[in-house]
Amino acid sequence: MAQNKSKSKGVRFRSFNVTYEDGTLSSNRRVPVEQLDQSFGDNLLDLALAAIKAQDSVIAERSKQRPIKIKTIVEA
């Protein structure tokens, strides 16, 4: 009898829409759920903002540009 393979419990994400100060919009930015731990009473959007700023810093460093400041963030 063949056994079914179990689906992996891989990394789960939550999506956020980000509007930057220059007016550009980045839709469905994915943030790993592990980075959104609210057990210390932190606001979900504050945690997502910090994670997306970190992602933007890495992208800006690789492209040798300054990161654009985030104006608003909302859950997608």
Protein backbone atom coordinates (compact mmCIF):
# COMPACT_ATOMS: atom_id res chain seq x y z
CA MET A 1 0.00 0.00 0.00
CA ALA A 2 1.45 3.39 -1.04
CA GLN A 3 1.59 6.18 1.47
CA ASN A 4 0.55 9.72 0.66
CA LYS A 5 3.27 12.30 1.02
CA SER A 6 2.44 14.87 3.63
CA LYS A 7 2.43 18.46 2.50
CA SER A 8 5.30 20.46 3.87
CA LYS A 9 4.55 23.07 6.47
CA GLY A 10 6.85 25.56 4.66
CA VAL A 11 7.05 29.22 5.46
CA ARG A 12 3.70 30.99 5.67
CA PHE A 13 3.32 34.61 4.64
CA ARG A 14 0.93 37.52 5.04
CA SER A 15 0.61 40.13 2.32
CA PHE A 16 0.67 43.91 2.67
CA ASN A 17 0.20 46.79 0.23
CA VAL A 18 2.80 49.53 0.62
CA THR A 19 2.55 53.12 -0.60
CA TYR A 20 5.81 55.05 -0.76
CA GLU A 21 6.30 58.80 -0.31
CA ASP A 22 7.02 59.23 -4.03
CA GLY A 23 3.53 57.87 -4.81
CA THR A 24 4.54 54.39 -5.99
CA LEU A 25 2.57 51.38 -4.80
CA SER A 26 3.95 47.94 -4.08
CA SER A 27 1.15 45.38 -3.89
CA ASN A 28 1.19 42.08 -2.04
CA ARG A 29 4.52 42.45 -0.27
CA ARG A 30 5.01 39.17 1.54
CA VAL A 31 6.17 39.04 5.16
CA PRO A 32 6.87 35.71 6.91
CA VAL A 33 4.39 35.05 9.71
CA GLU A 34 7.31 34.39 12.09
CA GLN A 35 8.27 38.08 11.84
CA LEU A 36 4.74 39.13 12.85
CA ASP A 37 4.75 37.69 16.39
CA GLN A 38 2.39 39.83 18.47
CA SER A 39 3.02 38.03 21.76
CA PHE A 40 4.62 41.15 23.25
CA GLY A 41 1.64 43.34 22.37
CA ASP A 42 3.17 44.85 19.24
CA ASN A 43 0.87 46.17 16.54
CA LEU A 44 0.69 43.95 13.43
CA LEU A 45 1.27 46.87 11.05
CA ASP A 46 4.28 48.07 13.06
CA LEU A 47 5.85 44.62 12.83
CA ALA A 48 5.09 44.42 9.10
CA LEU A 49 6.53 47.91 8.58
CA ALA A 50 9.79 46.91 10.27
CA ALA A 51 10.02 43.73 8.18
CA ILE A 52 9.32 45.55 4.90
CA LYS A 53 11.82 48.29 5.77
CA ALA A 54 14.42 45.57 6.29
CA GLN A 55 13.52 44.03 2.91
CA ASP A 56 13.75 47.46 1.25
CA SER A 57 17.17 48.08 2.82
CA VAL A 58 18.52 44.85 1.34
CA ILE A 59 17.07 45.71 -2.08
CA ALA A 60 18.46 49.26 -1.94
CA GLU A 61 21.90 48.00 -0.91
CA ARG A 62 22.01 45.55 -3.82
CA SER A 63 20.93 48.23 -6.30
CA LYS A 64 23.23 50.84 -4.74
CA GLN A 65 20.37 53.26 -4.16
CA ARG A 66 18.74 54.77 -1.11
CA PRO A 67 15.51 53.15 0.06
CA ILE A 68 12.34 55.17 -0.53
CA LYS A 69 10.44 56.13 2.63
CA ILE A 70 7.18 54.31 3.28
CA LYS A 71 4.07 56.49 3.53
CA THR A 72 1.38 53.92 4.40
CA ILE A 73 1.01 50.18 4.80
CA VAL A 74 -2.20 48.14 4.85
CA GLU A 75 -2.88 44.43 4.96
CA ALA A 76 -3.81 43.05 1.54
